Amino acid sequence: MTNQDKSGIAQYDSLERWRCPMLGGPVHFGYCRTVNDGLPCARVLECWIQTLPLVEFLKANYRPEDIQRALNTKPKGRLDRMKEAVENASQVDPPETDA
């Protein structure tokens, strides 16, 4: 582990939460801090405030306007994410087959 890993933005990425309220299963902090178009999930405070010094982490690694944008974004639920995945999959051209 490098010094940057110990004190940088990725320092808590491997911490695991037993259940994500949006996904319904275990999730690592690295996912939570990037899921919102590269910004933290809107529920990051709710989920991680008891586990790590989250306010200090956010202030050290994000601009105030990015924190506001991240925390004020309505998180997508499982159904919304599933719909997006189906829509994205339907836009992909099927592979060509040798007929």
Protein backbone atom coordinates (compact mmCIF):
# COMPACT_ATOMS: atom_id res chain seq x y z
CA MET A 1 0.00 0.00 0.00
CA THR A 2 1.45 3.37 -0.96
CA ASN A 3 1.31 6.52 1.15
CA GLN A 4 -1.35 7.87 -1.19
CA ASP A 5 -3.50 4.80 -0.55
CA LYS A 6 -3.25 5.37 3.22
CA SER A 7 -4.38 8.98 3.11
CA GLY A 8 -5.79 9.63 -0.37
CA ILE A 9 -9.19 9.30 -1.89
CA ALA A 10 -8.89 5.49 -2.18
CA GLN A 11 -7.89 4.92 1.46
CA TYR A 12 -11.28 3.47 2.50
CA ASP A 13 -12.23 1.77 -0.77
CA SER A 14 -11.92 -1.77 0.56
CA LEU A 15 -14.22 -1.22 3.56
CA GLU A 16 -17.41 -3.23 3.14
CA ARG A 17 -20.93 -2.43 4.23
CA TRP A 18 -22.97 -5.55 4.83
CA ARG A 19 -26.02 -4.22 2.96
CA CYS A 20 -26.49 -1.36 0.52
CA PRO A 21 -30.03 0.05 0.74
CA MET A 22 -30.06 0.62 -3.02
CA LEU A 23 -28.54 -2.68 -4.20
CA GLY A 24 -29.66 -4.96 -1.41
CA GLY A 25 -26.31 -6.67 -0.89
CA PRO A 26 -22.78 -6.05 0.34
CA VAL A 27 -20.87 -3.14 -1.17
CA HIS A 28 -17.42 -1.58 -0.79
CA PHE A 29 -16.90 2.10 -0.03
CA GLY A 30 -15.07 2.48 -3.35
CA TYR A 31 -18.38 1.83 -5.11
CA CYS A 32 -20.25 4.23 -2.84
CA ARG A 33 -17.84 7.08 -3.46
CA THR A 34 -18.03 6.82 -7.27
CA VAL A 35 -21.51 5.55 -8.15
CA ASN A 36 -23.02 9.00 -8.72
CA ASP A 37 -21.24 9.93 -11.98
CA GLY A 38 -17.88 9.78 -10.19
CA LEU A 39 -19.22 11.42 -7.03
CA PRO A 40 -20.40 9.77 -3.81
CA CYS A 41 -23.84 8.25 -3.50
CA ALA A 42 -26.51 10.54 -2.08
CA ARG A 43 -26.85 8.09 0.83
CA VAL A 44 -23.14 8.05 1.68
CA LEU A 45 -23.68 9.93 4.95
CA GLU A 46 -26.51 7.67 6.02
CA CYS A 47 -24.52 4.53 5.35
CA TRP A 48 -20.94 5.39 6.33
CA ILE A 49 -20.99 8.16 8.97
CA GLN A 50 -20.76 5.58 11.79
CA THR A 51 -17.89 3.70 10.13
CA LEU A 52 -15.34 6.33 9.07
CA PRO A 53 -14.60 10.06 9.43
CA LEU A 54 -16.80 10.79 6.44
CA VAL A 55 -17.29 14.54 6.75
CA GLU A 56 -13.54 15.09 6.93
CA PHE A 57 -13.01 12.69 4.04
CA LEU A 58 -15.53 14.49 1.82
CA LYS A 59 -14.11 17.92 2.63
CA ALA A 60 -10.57 16.73 1.91
CA ASN A 61 -11.38 15.07 -1.41
CA TYR A 62 -14.25 16.97 -3.03
CA ARG A 63 -15.12 20.56 -3.79
CA PRO A 64 -18.04 21.97 -1.77
CA GLU A 65 -20.21 22.24 -4.89
CA ASP A 66 -19.52 18.58 -5.76
CA ILE A 67 -20.48 17.48 -2.26
CA GLN A 68 -23.71 19.47 -2.51
CA ARG A 69 -24.49 18.03 -5.94
CA ALA A 70 -23.79 14.48 -4.78
CA LEU A 71 -25.80 14.69 -1.59
CA ASN A 72 -28.75 16.41 -3.26
CA THR A 73 -29.07 13.88 -6.08
CA LYS A 74 -31.96 11.49 -5.65
CA PRO A 75 -30.43 8.01 -5.60
CA LYS A 76 -31.71 5.50 -8.12
CA GLY A 77 -33.35 2.43 -6.70
CA ARG A 78 -32.84 -1.15 -7.81
CA LEU A 79 -35.78 -1.07 -10.22
CA ASP A 80 -34.48 2.08 -11.94
CA ARG A 81 -31.02 0.55 -12.27
CA MET A 82 -32.49 -2.67 -13.67
CA LYS A 83 -34.53 -0.71 -16.24
CA GLU A 84 -31.40 1.18 -17.29
CA ALA A 85 -29.47 -2.06 -17.66
CA VAL A 86 -32.20 -3.55 -19.87
CA GLU A 87 -32.37 -0.40 -21.99
CA ASN A 88 -28.57 -0.32 -22.38
CA ALA A 89 -28.49 -4.01 -23.28
CA SER A 90 -31.20 -3.59 -25.90
CA GLN A 91 -29.17 -0.85 -27.61
CA VAL A 92 -26.17 -3.13 -28.11
CA ASP A 93 -25.97 -4.85 -31.49
CA PRO A 94 -26.09 -8.62 -31.17
CA PRO A 95 -22.92 -10.46 -32.18
CA GLU A 96 -22.83 -11.80 -35.71
CA THR A 97 -23.14 -15.54 -36.05
CA ASP A 98 -21.97 -17.89 -38.73
CA ALA A 99 -25.17 -19.22 -40.23
